[in-house]
Amino acid sequence: AEVALPRALGFLLDLRCPEVVEVLGEVMQSRKITKLMWGITGDAQALMHQRVPLQIQVKPRGILDCQLAFALRTRGARCKGMAKVLRELAPSASKNLPAKEHQIPWVAYQAQNLRAFEPPLDVKRAAYAMDDLHRLEAI
C-alpha cells in the first residue's frame, strides 16, 4: 500500500541522541518560542520525568494546549479529540487526511505488549507520527 506523505515539513526527534535531547530541552523550556500542542499532559509529564534511554527532565514553558483552548471556548465543555474538532472546524481538510485509527494496528502490538514504533521508523510510522502536526495545522 502506498503511504501518502504530508505536504508540510516537520521534525521527528531521536530522543536516544544526547545532542537532540539538549536542543529539545532548550526549545521546550524557552518562553520566547511558542509551542502549539494538543493534549499536552502526557507529553509534558514525559518531558519532566523521563530518565530512559536518556534523562530529559525539562519543564515545558510557552506551550498552548490547543485541545484545552478549544474546550474553554464553550463554557462547561469537555476536551474533545482532535478528529472531532477537525471535523467541526475544518471539515474539508479532514477529508484529505487519512483515518488515523486504520494506519497502525495498535491492538495487535498491545496484545503482545510490544512497541508499535520501534526505532528506526519506517516511512509508514514516520508519516503517522507527523500526522497530528498536519491535523493541528488544518484546525
N, C-alpha and C. Protein backbone atom coordinates (compact mmCIF):
# COMPACT_ATOMS: atom_id res chain seq x y z
N ALA A 1 0.84 -1.18 0.00
CA ALA A 1 0.00 0.00 0.00
C ALA A 1 0.88 1.24 0.00
N GLU A 2 0.46 2.21 -0.77
CA GLU A 2 1.21 3.46 -0.87
C GLU A 2 0.87 4.36 0.32
N VAL A 3 1.89 5.00 0.89
CA VAL A 3 1.69 5.89 2.03
C VAL A 3 1.68 7.32 1.53
N ALA A 4 0.61 8.06 1.87
CA ALA A 4 0.52 9.47 1.47
C ALA A 4 1.41 10.29 2.41
N LEU A 5 2.39 10.95 1.85
CA LEU A 5 3.27 11.78 2.66
C LEU A 5 2.69 13.18 2.81
N PRO A 6 2.88 13.80 3.98
CA PRO A 6 2.35 15.13 4.21
C PRO A 6 3.03 16.18 3.33
N ARG A 7 2.29 17.27 3.06
CA ARG A 7 2.84 18.35 2.23
C ARG A 7 3.82 19.20 3.03
N ALA A 8 3.48 19.53 4.27
CA ALA A 8 4.32 20.40 5.09
C ALA A 8 5.40 19.56 5.78
N LEU A 9 6.46 20.22 6.15
CA LEU A 9 7.56 19.54 6.82
C LEU A 9 7.45 19.68 8.33
N GLY A 10 8.01 18.74 9.03
CA GLY A 10 8.09 18.77 10.48
C GLY A 10 9.35 18.02 10.87
N PHE A 11 9.56 17.84 12.15
CA PHE A 11 10.75 17.16 12.63
C PHE A 11 10.37 15.98 13.50
N LEU A 12 11.03 14.86 13.28
CA LEU A 12 10.95 13.73 14.18
C LEU A 12 12.29 13.69 14.92
N LEU A 13 12.23 13.69 16.23
CA LEU A 13 13.45 13.76 17.02
C LEU A 13 13.79 12.40 17.62
N ASP A 14 15.04 12.02 17.53
CA ASP A 14 15.51 10.77 18.12
C ASP A 14 15.99 11.08 19.53
N LEU A 15 15.17 10.76 20.52
CA LEU A 15 15.49 11.08 21.91
C LEU A 15 16.50 10.11 22.52
N ARG A 16 17.12 9.29 21.68
CA ARG A 16 18.24 8.45 22.14
C ARG A 16 19.55 9.17 21.92
N CYS A 17 19.51 10.34 21.28
CA CYS A 17 20.71 11.11 20.94
C CYS A 17 20.87 12.27 21.92
N PRO A 18 21.97 12.32 22.69
CA PRO A 18 22.15 13.37 23.70
C PRO A 18 22.07 14.79 23.13
N GLU A 19 22.60 15.02 21.93
CA GLU A 19 22.56 16.36 21.35
C GLU A 19 21.12 16.79 21.03
N VAL A 20 20.32 15.84 20.58
CA VAL A 20 18.92 16.13 20.27
C VAL A 20 18.16 16.45 21.56
N VAL A 21 18.41 15.69 22.61
CA VAL A 21 17.76 15.93 23.90
C VAL A 21 18.14 17.31 24.43
N GLU A 22 19.39 17.71 24.25
CA GLU A 22 19.83 19.03 24.70
C GLU A 22 19.08 20.15 23.97
N VAL A 23 18.98 20.04 22.65
CA VAL A 23 18.26 21.05 21.86
C VAL A 23 16.78 21.04 22.22
N LEU A 24 16.19 19.86 22.36
CA LEU A 24 14.79 19.75 22.75
C LEU A 24 14.55 20.46 24.08
N GLY A 25 15.45 20.25 25.03
CA GLY A 25 15.32 20.91 26.33
C GLY A 25 15.34 22.42 26.22
N GLU A 26 16.24 22.95 25.40
CA GLU A 26 16.33 24.39 25.22
C GLU A 26 15.05 24.95 24.59
N VAL A 27 14.55 24.27 23.58
CA VAL A 27 13.33 24.73 22.90
C VAL A 27 12.13 24.63 23.84
N MET A 28 11.96 23.50 24.50
CA MET A 28 10.77 23.29 25.32
C MET A 28 10.76 24.17 26.56
N GLN A 29 11.90 24.59 27.06
CA GLN A 29 11.95 25.45 28.24
C GLN A 29 11.91 26.93 27.90
N SER A 30 12.02 27.27 26.63
CA SER A 30 12.04 28.67 26.21
C SER A 30 10.64 29.28 26.23
N ARG A 31 10.52 30.41 26.89
CA ARG A 31 9.26 31.17 26.86
C ARG A 31 9.18 32.01 25.58
N LYS A 32 10.30 32.19 24.89
CA LYS A 32 10.34 33.00 23.68
C LYS A 32 9.81 32.25 22.46
N ILE A 33 9.75 30.93 22.55
CA ILE A 33 9.25 30.10 21.44
C ILE A 33 7.89 29.53 21.85
N THR A 34 6.84 29.95 21.17
CA THR A 34 5.51 29.43 21.47
C THR A 34 5.34 28.08 20.78
N LYS A 35 4.94 27.09 21.56
CA LYS A 35 4.71 25.75 21.04
C LYS A 35 3.22 25.45 21.09
N LEU A 36 2.64 25.04 19.96
CA LEU A 36 1.24 24.64 19.91
C LEU A 36 1.20 23.12 19.97
N MET A 37 0.48 22.60 20.96
CA MET A 37 0.40 21.16 21.13
C MET A 37 -1.04 20.78 21.41
N TRP A 38 -1.34 19.51 21.31
CA TRP A 38 -2.70 19.01 21.53
C TRP A 38 -2.68 18.02 22.68
N GLY A 39 -3.41 18.32 23.76
CA GLY A 39 -3.48 17.39 24.89
C GLY A 39 -2.12 17.10 25.47
N ILE A 40 -1.50 18.11 26.03
CA ILE A 40 -0.08 18.02 26.37
C ILE A 40 0.25 17.32 27.69
N THR A 41 -0.74 16.96 28.48
CA THR A 41 -0.47 16.45 29.82
C THR A 41 0.54 15.30 29.81
N GLY A 42 0.27 14.27 29.03
CA GLY A 42 1.18 13.11 29.00
C GLY A 42 2.54 13.46 28.46
N ASP A 43 2.58 14.27 27.40
CA ASP A 43 3.87 14.67 26.82
C ASP A 43 4.67 15.51 27.81
N ALA A 44 4.00 16.43 28.50
CA ALA A 44 4.70 17.28 29.47
C ALA A 44 5.25 16.44 30.62
N GLN A 45 4.48 15.47 31.09
CA GLN A 45 4.96 14.60 32.16
C GLN A 45 6.16 13.79 31.71
N ALA A 46 6.10 13.29 30.47
CA ALA A 46 7.24 12.52 29.95
C ALA A 46 8.49 13.39 29.87
N LEU A 47 8.33 14.63 29.40
CA LEU A 47 9.48 15.53 29.29
C LEU A 47 10.06 15.85 30.66
N MET A 48 9.21 15.98 31.67
CA MET A 48 9.69 16.33 33.00
C MET A 48 10.33 15.14 33.73
N HIS A 49 9.87 13.93 33.44
CA HIS A 49 10.29 12.79 34.27
C HIS A 49 11.05 11.70 33.54
N GLN A 50 11.23 11.79 32.23
CA GLN A 50 11.91 10.71 31.51
C GLN A 50 13.35 10.57 31.96
N ARG A 51 13.75 9.34 32.21
CA ARG A 51 15.14 9.04 32.59
C ARG A 51 15.78 8.03 31.64
N VAL A 52 14.97 7.29 30.86
CA VAL A 52 15.48 6.25 29.98
C VAL A 52 14.89 6.47 28.59
N PRO A 53 15.61 6.34 27.50
CA PRO A 53 17.02 5.97 27.41
C PRO A 53 17.96 7.10 27.82
N LEU A 54 17.49 8.35 27.74
CA LEU A 54 18.28 9.48 28.23
C LEU A 54 17.42 10.32 29.15
N GLN A 55 18.05 10.91 30.12
CA GLN A 55 17.34 11.78 31.04
C GLN A 55 16.99 13.09 30.34
N ILE A 56 15.72 13.46 30.35
CA ILE A 56 15.31 14.72 29.74
C ILE A 56 15.08 15.74 30.84
N GLN A 57 14.11 15.51 31.70
CA GLN A 57 13.80 16.33 32.86
C GLN A 57 13.82 17.83 32.56
N VAL A 58 12.96 18.27 31.66
CA VAL A 58 12.80 19.69 31.38
C VAL A 58 11.38 20.09 31.76
N LYS A 59 11.22 21.33 32.17
CA LYS A 59 9.89 21.85 32.48
C LYS A 59 9.42 22.67 31.28
N PRO A 60 8.46 22.13 30.53
CA PRO A 60 7.99 22.84 29.34
C PRO A 60 7.37 24.20 29.69
N ARG A 61 7.69 25.20 28.88
CA ARG A 61 7.15 26.55 29.05
C ARG A 61 6.75 27.08 27.68
N GLY A 62 5.88 28.08 27.69
CA GLY A 62 5.49 28.71 26.43
C GLY A 62 4.68 27.80 25.54
N ILE A 63 3.83 26.95 26.16
CA ILE A 63 3.03 25.99 25.40
C ILE A 63 1.57 26.38 25.45
N LEU A 64 0.91 26.33 24.31
CA LEU A 64 -0.53 26.50 24.24
C LEU A 64 -1.12 25.13 23.95
N ASP A 65 -1.92 24.63 24.89
CA ASP A 65 -2.61 23.36 24.68
C ASP A 65 -3.87 23.66 23.89
N CYS A 66 -3.84 23.38 22.60
CA CYS A 66 -4.95 23.71 21.71
C CYS A 66 -6.21 22.94 22.08
N GLN A 67 -6.08 21.73 22.58
CA GLN A 67 -7.25 20.95 22.99
C GLN A 67 -7.97 21.65 24.14
N LEU A 68 -7.21 22.10 25.12
CA LEU A 68 -7.79 22.81 26.25
C LEU A 68 -8.38 24.16 25.82
N ALA A 69 -7.70 24.85 24.93
CA ALA A 69 -8.19 26.13 24.43
C ALA A 69 -9.54 25.97 23.74
N PHE A 70 -9.71 24.93 22.95
CA PHE A 70 -10.99 24.69 22.29
C PHE A 70 -12.07 24.34 23.31
N ALA A 71 -11.72 23.60 24.36
CA ALA A 71 -12.69 23.26 25.40
C ALA A 71 -13.13 24.50 26.16
N LEU A 72 -12.23 25.43 26.39
CA LEU A 72 -12.55 26.63 27.14
C LEU A 72 -13.40 27.62 26.35
N ARG A 73 -13.45 27.46 25.03
CA ARG A 73 -14.28 28.34 24.20
C ARG A 73 -15.76 28.22 24.56
N THR A 74 -16.16 27.05 24.99
CA THR A 74 -17.55 26.79 25.33
C THR A 74 -17.63 26.46 26.81
N ARG A 75 -18.37 27.28 27.53
CA ARG A 75 -18.47 27.10 28.98
C ARG A 75 -19.02 25.70 29.30
N GLY A 76 -18.31 25.01 30.17
CA GLY A 76 -18.74 23.69 30.60
C GLY A 76 -18.41 22.57 29.62
N ALA A 77 -17.75 22.91 28.51
CA ALA A 77 -17.43 21.87 27.52
C ALA A 77 -16.25 21.02 27.99
N ARG A 78 -16.25 19.79 27.54
CA ARG A 78 -15.13 18.89 27.83
C ARG A 78 -14.14 18.94 26.69
N CYS A 79 -12.94 18.45 26.97
CA CYS A 79 -11.93 18.36 25.92
C CYS A 79 -12.39 17.32 24.89
N LYS A 80 -12.30 17.69 23.63
CA LYS A 80 -12.68 16.79 22.54
C LYS A 80 -11.42 16.26 21.87
N GLY A 81 -11.57 15.15 21.21
CA GLY A 81 -10.46 14.60 20.45
C GLY A 81 -10.17 15.45 19.22
N MET A 82 -8.97 15.34 18.74
CA MET A 82 -8.55 16.14 17.59
C MET A 82 -9.41 15.85 16.36
N ALA A 83 -9.76 14.60 16.12
CA ALA A 83 -10.55 14.25 14.95
C ALA A 83 -11.91 14.93 14.99
N LYS A 84 -12.54 14.97 16.15
CA LYS A 84 -13.86 15.60 16.27
C LYS A 84 -13.77 17.10 16.04
N VAL A 85 -12.79 17.76 16.62
CA VAL A 85 -12.62 19.21 16.43
C VAL A 85 -12.30 19.50 14.97
N LEU A 86 -11.47 18.67 14.36
CA LEU A 86 -11.13 18.86 12.96
C LEU A 86 -12.39 18.77 12.08
N ARG A 87 -13.25 17.79 12.35
CA ARG A 87 -14.49 17.65 11.58
C ARG A 87 -15.41 18.86 11.77
N GLU A 88 -15.42 19.42 13.00
CA GLU A 88 -16.28 20.58 13.28
C GLU A 88 -15.75 21.87 12.65
N LEU A 89 -14.44 22.09 12.75
CA LEU A 89 -13.87 23.37 12.33
C LEU A 89 -13.36 23.39 10.90
N ALA A 90 -12.90 22.26 10.42
CA ALA A 90 -12.31 22.22 9.07
C ALA A 90 -12.72 20.94 8.36
N PRO A 91 -14.03 20.77 8.12
CA PRO A 91 -14.49 19.50 7.53
C PRO A 91 -13.86 19.18 6.18
N SER A 92 -13.60 20.20 5.37
CA SER A 92 -12.99 19.91 4.07
C SER A 92 -11.56 19.42 4.23
N ALA A 93 -10.84 19.94 5.21
CA ALA A 93 -9.45 19.50 5.45
C ALA A 93 -9.42 18.07 5.96
N SER A 94 -10.40 17.70 6.78
CA SER A 94 -10.39 16.35 7.35
C SER A 94 -10.60 15.28 6.28
N LYS A 95 -11.24 15.64 5.16
CA LYS A 95 -11.46 14.67 4.08
C LYS A 95 -10.16 14.30 3.37
N ASN A 96 -9.16 15.18 3.45
CA ASN A 96 -7.89 14.95 2.75
C ASN A 96 -6.86 14.21 3.61
N LEU A 97 -7.21 13.95 4.86
CA LEU A 97 -6.28 13.28 5.77
C LEU A 97 -6.71 11.83 5.98
N PRO A 98 -5.73 10.92 6.08
CA PRO A 98 -6.09 9.51 6.29
C PRO A 98 -6.66 9.30 7.70
N ALA A 99 -7.54 8.32 7.84
CA ALA A 99 -8.09 7.97 9.15
C ALA A 99 -6.98 7.36 9.99
N LYS A 100 -6.68 7.97 11.12
CA LYS A 100 -5.57 7.52 11.95
C LYS A 100 -5.77 6.12 12.52
N GLU A 101 -7.02 5.79 12.85
CA GLU A 101 -7.26 4.51 13.51
C GLU A 101 -6.94 3.31 12.64
N HIS A 102 -6.81 3.53 11.33
CA HIS A 102 -6.53 2.41 10.42
C HIS A 102 -5.06 2.36 9.97
N GLN A 103 -4.25 3.28 10.43
CA GLN A 103 -2.86 3.34 9.97
C GLN A 103 -1.94 2.37 10.69
N ILE A 104 -2.12 2.20 11.97
CA ILE A 104 -1.25 1.33 12.77
C ILE A 104 -2.14 0.34 13.52
N PRO A 105 -1.86 -0.97 13.45
CA PRO A 105 -2.69 -1.96 14.16
C PRO A 105 -2.34 -2.00 15.66
N TRP A 106 -2.80 -0.99 16.41
CA TRP A 106 -2.43 -0.86 17.82
C TRP A 106 -2.74 -2.09 18.64
N VAL A 107 -3.92 -2.67 18.48
CA VAL A 107 -4.35 -3.79 19.31
C VAL A 107 -3.39 -4.96 19.17
N ALA A 108 -2.94 -5.22 17.96
CA ALA A 108 -2.01 -6.34 17.74
C ALA A 108 -0.72 -6.16 18.53
N TYR A 109 -0.22 -4.93 18.59
CA TYR A 109 1.01 -4.66 19.36
C TYR A 109 0.73 -4.70 20.86
N GLN A 110 -0.37 -4.07 21.28
CA GLN A 110 -0.70 -4.03 22.71
C GLN A 110 -0.98 -5.42 23.26
N ALA A 111 -1.63 -6.27 22.47
CA ALA A 111 -1.96 -7.62 22.92
C ALA A 111 -0.71 -8.43 23.23
N GLN A 112 0.39 -8.10 22.55
CA GLN A 112 1.64 -8.81 22.77
C GLN A 112 2.63 -8.01 23.62
N ASN A 113 2.16 -6.86 24.14
CA ASN A 113 2.99 -5.98 24.94
C ASN A 113 4.26 -5.57 24.18
N LEU A 114 4.07 -5.20 22.91
CA LEU A 114 5.18 -4.80 22.05
C LEU A 114 5.10 -3.31 21.73
N ARG A 115 6.23 -2.73 21.41
CA ARG A 115 6.26 -1.35 20.95
C ARG A 115 5.80 -1.31 19.49
N ALA A 116 4.90 -0.39 19.18
CA ALA A 116 4.43 -0.24 17.80
C ALA A 116 5.42 0.58 16.98
N PHE A 117 6.22 1.38 17.65
CA PHE A 117 7.15 2.28 16.96
C PHE A 117 8.58 1.96 17.38
N GLU A 118 9.11 0.88 16.91
CA GLU A 118 10.49 0.50 17.21
C GLU A 118 11.42 1.30 16.30
N PRO A 119 12.39 2.03 16.88
CA PRO A 119 13.30 2.80 16.02
C PRO A 119 14.25 1.88 15.25
N PRO A 120 14.67 2.29 14.08
CA PRO A 120 14.28 3.49 13.35
C PRO A 120 12.90 3.30 12.71
N LEU A 121 12.19 4.40 12.52
CA LEU A 121 10.84 4.35 11.98
C LEU A 121 10.86 4.12 10.47
N ASP A 122 9.95 3.27 10.01
CA ASP A 122 9.78 3.14 8.56
C ASP A 122 8.92 4.31 8.08
N VAL A 123 8.72 4.43 6.77
CA VAL A 123 8.00 5.56 6.19
C VAL A 123 6.57 5.64 6.73
N LYS A 124 5.91 4.50 6.87
CA LYS A 124 4.52 4.49 7.33
C LYS A 124 4.41 5.05 8.76
N ARG A 125 5.29 4.61 9.64
CA ARG A 125 5.24 5.07 11.03
C ARG A 125 5.71 6.52 11.17
N ALA A 126 6.66 6.93 10.34
CA ALA A 126 7.10 8.33 10.35
C ALA A 126 5.95 9.23 9.90
N ALA A 127 5.24 8.82 8.86
CA ALA A 127 4.09 9.62 8.38
C ALA A 127 3.02 9.68 9.46
N TYR A 128 2.78 8.57 10.16
CA TYR A 128 1.80 8.56 11.24
C TYR A 128 2.22 9.52 12.36
N ALA A 129 3.49 9.49 12.72
CA ALA A 129 3.99 10.36 13.79
C ALA A 129 3.84 11.83 13.44
N MET A 130 3.95 12.17 12.16
CA MET A 130 3.83 13.56 11.72
C MET A 130 2.38 13.97 11.50
N ASP A 131 1.48 13.03 11.45
CA ASP A 131 0.11 13.30 11.05
C ASP A 131 -0.60 14.31 11.95
N ASP A 132 -0.42 14.24 13.26
CA ASP A 132 -1.10 15.19 14.15
C ASP A 132 -0.65 16.61 13.90
N LEU A 133 0.59 16.80 13.50
CA LEU A 133 1.08 18.13 13.15
C LEU A 133 0.23 18.72 12.03
N HIS A 134 -0.07 17.91 11.04
CA HIS A 134 -0.83 18.38 9.89
C HIS A 134 -2.31 18.55 10.25
N ARG A 135 -2.81 17.74 11.15
CA ARG A 135 -4.19 17.91 11.61
C ARG A 135 -4.31 19.21 12.41
N LEU A 136 -3.35 19.47 13.27
CA LEU A 136 -3.38 20.70 14.07
C LEU A 136 -3.25 21.92 13.16
N GLU A 137 -2.43 21.81 12.14
CA GLU A 137 -2.28 22.90 11.17
C GLU A 137 -3.61 23.18 10.48
N ALA A 138 -4.37 22.15 10.16
CA ALA A 138 -5.67 22.31 9.50
C ALA A 138 -6.69 22.97 10.42
N ILE A 139 -6.62 22.65 11.72
CA ILE A 139 -7.54 23.23 12.69
C ILE A 139 -7.23 24.71 12.84
